[in-house]
Each structure stands twice: as structure tokens, then as C-alpha cells.
Amino acid sequence: MKSVKISTVQFENRSGDKEYNLGVIEKFAAKAAAEGVDAVAFHECSVTGTLF
């Protein structure tokens, strides 16, 4: 059986700033890939952000 390495990421996103949020996601994903991670999970609304 092959092992799968999974990572989770939570960061303070900027509501409505998709460009910034996607840039942060890209950096975390690249770092995870460099460390041999197979899958990365980000928190809900990490791309668009949301105000409560």
C-alpha cells in the first residue's frame, strides 16, 4: 500500500481579494509539493474570503 502525505493550511485571507488569496495558496502549495506532499487542503472560502 502506498502512503499518502496530506497537509492542511489555514491563513488569514483578504475578503474579496482573489488575487492575493490565490497567491498565498500558490506559495503554500509549492512549499508542500517541495516537501513531498500529495494533497493540500485549504479552509473554506480561502479563495474569495467571506465576512461574517
PDB file of N, CA and C in Angstrom:
ATOM      1  N   MET A   1       0.840  -1.171   0.000  1.00  0.00           N
ATOM      2  CA  MET A   1       0.000   0.000   0.000  1.00  0.00           C
ATOM      3  C   MET A   1       0.891   1.242   0.000  1.00  0.00           C
ATOM      4  N   LYS A   2       0.559   2.207  -0.844  1.00  0.00           N
ATOM      5  CA  LYS A   2       1.309   3.456  -0.931  1.00  0.00           C
ATOM      6  C   LYS A   2       0.815   4.436   0.131  1.00  0.00           C
ATOM      7  N   SER A   3       1.748   5.061   0.804  1.00  0.00           N
ATOM      8  CA  SER A   3       1.396   6.108   1.763  1.00  0.00           C
ATOM      9  C   SER A   3       1.072   7.396   1.020  1.00  0.00           C
ATOM     10  N   VAL A   4       0.158   8.165   1.574  1.00  0.00           N
ATOM     11  CA  VAL A   4      -0.215   9.457   1.009  1.00  0.00           C
ATOM     12  C   VAL A   4       0.062  10.518   2.071  1.00  0.00           C
ATOM     13  N   LYS A   5       0.805  11.535   1.679  1.00  0.00           N
ATOM     14  CA  LYS A   5       1.130  12.627   2.600  1.00  0.00           C
ATOM     15  C   LYS A   5       0.164  13.782   2.329  1.00  0.00           C
ATOM     16  N   ILE A   6      -0.573  14.175   3.364  1.00  0.00           N
ATOM     17  CA  ILE A   6      -1.589  15.222   3.245  1.00  0.00           C
ATOM     18  C   ILE A   6      -1.238  16.370   4.188  1.00  0.00           C
ATOM     19  N   SER A   7      -1.473  17.583   3.716  1.00  0.00           N
ATOM     20  CA  SER A   7      -1.203  18.782   4.513  1.00  0.00           C
ATOM     21  C   SER A   7      -2.463  19.639   4.574  1.00  0.00           C
ATOM     22  N   THR A   8      -2.612  20.363   5.656  1.00  0.00           N
ATOM     23  CA  THR A   8      -3.703  21.339   5.755  1.00  0.00           C
ATOM     24  C   THR A   8      -3.092  22.722   5.954  1.00  0.00           C
ATOM     25  N   VAL A   9      -3.783  23.728   5.440  1.00  0.00           N
ATOM     26  CA  VAL A   9      -3.296  25.104   5.549  1.00  0.00           C
ATOM     27  C   VAL A   9      -4.456  26.000   5.957  1.00  0.00           C
ATOM     28  N   GLN A  10      -4.200  26.850   6.909  1.00  0.00           N
ATOM     29  CA  GLN A  10      -5.158  27.891   7.260  1.00  0.00           C
ATOM     30  C   GLN A  10      -4.382  29.197   7.330  1.00  0.00           C
ATOM     31  N   PHE A  11      -4.900  30.219   6.681  1.00  0.00           N
ATOM     32  CA  PHE A  11      -4.232  31.512   6.676  1.00  0.00           C
ATOM     33  C   PHE A  11      -5.283  32.608   6.745  1.00  0.00           C
ATOM     34  N   GLU A  12      -4.846  33.808   7.071  1.00  0.00           N
ATOM     35  CA  GLU A  12      -5.773  34.938   7.147  1.00  0.00           C
ATOM     36  C   GLU A  12      -5.943  35.517   5.743  1.00  0.00           C
ATOM     37  N   ASN A  13      -7.061  35.167   5.116  1.00  0.00           N
ATOM     38  CA  ASN A  13      -7.288  35.652   3.754  1.00  0.00           C
ATOM     39  C   ASN A  13      -7.839  37.067   3.776  1.00  0.00           C
ATOM     40  N   ARG A  14      -7.852  37.670   2.595  1.00  0.00           N
ATOM     41  CA  ARG A  14      -8.409  39.014   2.437  1.00  0.00           C
ATOM     42  C   ARG A  14      -9.747  38.880   1.720  1.00  0.00           C
ATOM     43  N   SER A  15     -10.800  39.294   2.374  1.00  0.00           N
ATOM     44  CA  SER A  15     -12.138  39.167   1.810  1.00  0.00           C
ATOM     45  C   SER A  15     -12.239  39.917   0.487  1.00  0.00           C
ATOM     46  N   GLY A  16     -12.652  39.196  -0.555  1.00  0.00           N
ATOM     47  CA  GLY A  16     -12.850  39.788  -1.870  1.00  0.00           C
ATOM     48  C   GLY A  16     -11.583  39.974  -2.691  1.00  0.00           C
ATOM     49  N   ASP A  17     -10.420  39.631  -2.155  1.00  0.00           N
ATOM     50  CA  ASP A  17      -9.146  39.828  -2.871  1.00  0.00           C
ATOM     51  C   ASP A  17      -8.630  38.485  -3.381  1.00  0.00           C
ATOM     52  N   LYS A  18      -9.243  37.996  -4.457  1.00  0.00           N
ATOM     53  CA  LYS A  18      -8.890  36.682  -5.000  1.00  0.00           C
ATOM     54  C   LYS A  18      -7.430  36.607  -5.430  1.00  0.00           C
ATOM     55  N   GLU A  19      -6.916  37.679  -6.019  1.00  0.00           N
ATOM     56  CA  GLU A  19      -5.527  37.672  -6.497  1.00  0.00           C
ATOM     57  C   GLU A  19      -4.556  37.425  -5.341  1.00  0.00           C
ATOM     58  N   TYR A  20      -4.747  38.138  -4.243  1.00  0.00           N
ATOM     59  CA  TYR A  20      -3.895  37.951  -3.068  1.00  0.00           C
ATOM     60  C   TYR A  20      -4.046  36.536  -2.515  1.00  0.00           C
ATOM     61  N   ASN A  21      -5.291  36.115  -2.311  1.00  0.00           N
ATOM     62  CA  ASN A  21      -5.552  34.807  -1.718  1.00  0.00           C
ATOM     63  C   ASN A  21      -4.983  33.677  -2.568  1.00  0.00           C
ATOM     64  N   LEU A  22      -5.160  33.750  -3.887  1.00  0.00           N
ATOM     65  CA  LEU A  22      -4.615  32.715  -4.769  1.00  0.00           C
ATOM     66  C   LEU A  22      -3.089  32.728  -4.751  1.00  0.00           C
ATOM     67  N   GLY A  23      -2.491  33.893  -4.588  1.00  0.00           N
ATOM     68  CA  GLY A  23      -1.034  33.973  -4.473  1.00  0.00           C
ATOM     69  C   GLY A  23      -0.531  33.267  -3.227  1.00  0.00           C
ATOM     70  N   VAL A  24      -1.222  33.467  -2.116  1.00  0.00           N
ATOM     71  CA  VAL A  24      -0.855  32.792  -0.867  1.00  0.00           C
ATOM     72  C   VAL A  24      -1.029  31.281  -1.029  1.00  0.00           C
ATOM     73  N   ILE A  25      -2.139  30.872  -1.616  1.00  0.00           N
ATOM     74  CA  ILE A  25      -2.400  29.444  -1.835  1.00  0.00           C
ATOM     75  C   ILE A  25      -1.307  28.835  -2.703  1.00  0.00           C
ATOM     76  N   GLU A  26      -0.926  29.544  -3.764  1.00  0.00           N
ATOM     77  CA  GLU A  26       0.117  29.039  -4.664  1.00  0.00           C
ATOM     78  C   GLU A  26       1.440  28.841  -3.923  1.00  0.00           C
ATOM     79  N   LYS A  27       1.805  29.784  -3.065  1.00  0.00           N
ATOM     80  CA  LYS A  27       3.059  29.667  -2.309  1.00  0.00           C
ATOM     81  C   LYS A  27       3.025  28.475  -1.352  1.00  0.00           C
ATOM     82  N   PHE A  28       1.910  28.303  -0.637  1.00  0.00           N
ATOM     83  CA  PHE A  28       1.798  27.165   0.276  1.00  0.00           C
ATOM     84  C   PHE A  28       1.802  25.842  -0.489  1.00  0.00           C
ATOM     85  N   ALA A  29       1.115  25.797  -1.620  1.00  0.00           N
ATOM     86  CA  ALA A  29       1.063  24.570  -2.421  1.00  0.00           C
ATOM     87  C   ALA A  29       2.446  24.211  -2.958  1.00  0.00           C
ATOM     88  N   ALA A  30       3.200  25.200  -3.411  1.00  0.00           N
ATOM     89  CA  ALA A  30       4.549  24.949  -3.919  1.00  0.00           C
ATOM     90  C   ALA A  30       5.465  24.438  -2.806  1.00  0.00           C
ATOM     91  N   LYS A  31       5.354  25.028  -1.623  1.00  0.00           N
ATOM     92  CA  LYS A  31       6.166  24.582  -0.484  1.00  0.00           C
ATOM     93  C   LYS A  31       5.816  23.143  -0.115  1.00  0.00           C
ATOM     94  N   ALA A  32       4.529  22.849  -0.094  1.00  0.00           N
ATOM     95  CA  ALA A  32       4.093  21.492   0.240  1.00  0.00           C
ATOM     96  C   ALA A  32       4.596  20.492  -0.799  1.00  0.00           C
ATOM     97  N   ALA A  33       4.502  20.844  -2.073  1.00  0.00           N
ATOM     98  CA  ALA A  33       4.971  19.949  -3.138  1.00  0.00           C
ATOM     99  C   ALA A  33       6.470  19.691  -2.997  1.00  0.00           C
ATOM    100  N   ALA A  34       7.221  20.716  -2.660  1.00  0.00           N
ATOM    101  CA  ALA A  34       8.664  20.565  -2.477  1.00  0.00           C
ATOM    102  C   ALA A  34       8.993  19.640  -1.309  1.00  0.00           C
ATOM    103  N   GLU A  35       8.063  19.526  -0.366  1.00  0.00           N
ATOM    104  CA  GLU A  35       8.250  18.661   0.800  1.00  0.00           C
ATOM    105  C   GLU A  35       7.620  17.285   0.606  1.00  0.00           C
ATOM    106  N   GLY A  36       7.185  16.995  -0.623  1.00  0.00           N
ATOM    107  CA  GLY A  36       6.658  15.668  -0.929  1.00  0.00           C
ATOM    108  C   GLY A  36       5.206  15.444  -0.570  1.00  0.00           C
ATOM    109  N   VAL A  37       4.454  16.506  -0.372  1.00  0.00           N
ATOM    110  CA  VAL A  37       3.035  16.385  -0.030  1.00  0.00           C
ATOM    111  C   VAL A  37       2.238  16.029  -1.283  1.00  0.00           C
ATOM    112  N   ASP A  38       1.310  15.081  -1.142  1.00  0.00           N
ATOM    113  CA  ASP A  38       0.481  14.631  -2.263  1.00  0.00           C
ATOM    114  C   ASP A  38      -0.802  15.440  -2.414  1.00  0.00           C
ATOM    115  N   ALA A  39      -1.348  15.941  -1.312  1.00  0.00           N
ATOM    116  CA  ALA A  39      -2.607  16.695  -1.353  1.00  0.00           C
ATOM    117  C   ALA A  39      -2.582  17.770  -0.271  1.00  0.00           C
ATOM    118  N   VAL A  40      -3.132  18.935  -0.615  1.00  0.00           N
ATOM    119  CA  VAL A  40      -3.199  20.049   0.331  1.00  0.00           C
ATOM    120  C   VAL A  40      -4.652  20.485   0.459  1.00  0.00           C
ATOM    121  N   ALA A  41      -5.131  20.645   1.688  1.00  0.00           N
ATOM    122  CA  ALA A  41      -6.497  21.110   1.931  1.00  0.00           C
ATOM    123  C   ALA A  41      -6.438  22.511   2.541  1.00  0.00           C
ATOM    124  N   PHE A  42      -7.199  23.432   1.940  1.00  0.00           N
ATOM    125  CA  PHE A  42      -7.300  24.793   2.442  1.00  0.00           C
ATOM    126  C   PHE A  42      -8.685  24.992   3.052  1.00  0.00           C
ATOM    127  N   HIS A  43      -8.821  25.967   3.929  1.00  0.00           N
ATOM    128  CA  HIS A  43     -10.094  26.214   4.605  1.00  0.00           C
ATOM    129  C   HIS A  43     -11.137  26.745   3.618  1.00  0.00           C
ATOM    130  N   GLU A  44     -12.402  26.576   3.979  1.00  0.00           N
ATOM    131  CA  GLU A  44     -13.477  27.045   3.106  1.00  0.00           C
ATOM    132  C   GLU A  44     -13.365  28.553   2.898  1.00  0.00           C
ATOM    133  N   CYS A  45     -13.758  29.002   1.751  1.00  0.00           N
ATOM    134  CA  CYS A  45     -13.730  30.422   1.376  1.00  0.00           C
ATOM    135  C   CYS A  45     -12.317  30.995   1.356  1.00  0.00           C
ATOM    136  N   SER A  46     -11.307  30.155   1.229  1.00  0.00           N
ATOM    137  CA  SER A  46      -9.935  30.667   1.228  1.00  0.00           C
ATOM    138  C   SER A  46      -9.621  31.465  -0.033  1.00  0.00           C
ATOM    139  N   VAL A  47     -10.349  31.225  -1.119  1.00  0.00           N
ATOM    140  CA  VAL A  47     -10.106  31.978  -2.355  1.00  0.00           C
ATOM    141  C   VAL A  47     -10.820  33.324  -2.315  1.00  0.00           C
ATOM    142  N   THR A  48     -12.101  33.313  -2.019  1.00  0.00           N
ATOM    143  CA  THR A  48     -12.892  34.545  -2.083  1.00  0.00           C
ATOM    144  C   THR A  48     -12.942  35.305  -0.769  1.00  0.00           C
ATOM    145  N   GLY A  49     -12.746  34.606   0.333  1.00  0.00           N
ATOM    146  CA  GLY A  49     -12.906  35.225   1.638  1.00  0.00           C
ATOM    147  C   GLY A  49     -14.384  35.458   1.902  1.00  0.00           C
ATOM    148  N   THR A  50     -14.712  35.721   3.132  1.00  0.00           N
ATOM    149  CA  THR A  50     -16.104  35.995   3.473  1.00  0.00           C
ATOM    150  C   THR A  50     -16.148  36.816   4.750  1.00  0.00           C
ATOM    151  N   LEU A  51     -17.116  37.668   4.858  1.00  0.00           N
ATOM    152  CA  LEU A  51     -17.303  38.464   6.070  1.00  0.00           C
ATOM    153  C   LEU A  51     -18.495  37.921   6.835  1.00  0.00           C
ATOM    154  N   PHE A  52     -18.344  37.774   8.146  1.00  0.00           N
ATOM    155  CA  PHE A  52     -19.443  37.309   8.980  1.00  0.00           C
ATOM    156  C   PHE A  52     -19.928  38.440   9.845  1.00  0.00           C
TER     157      PHE A  52
END
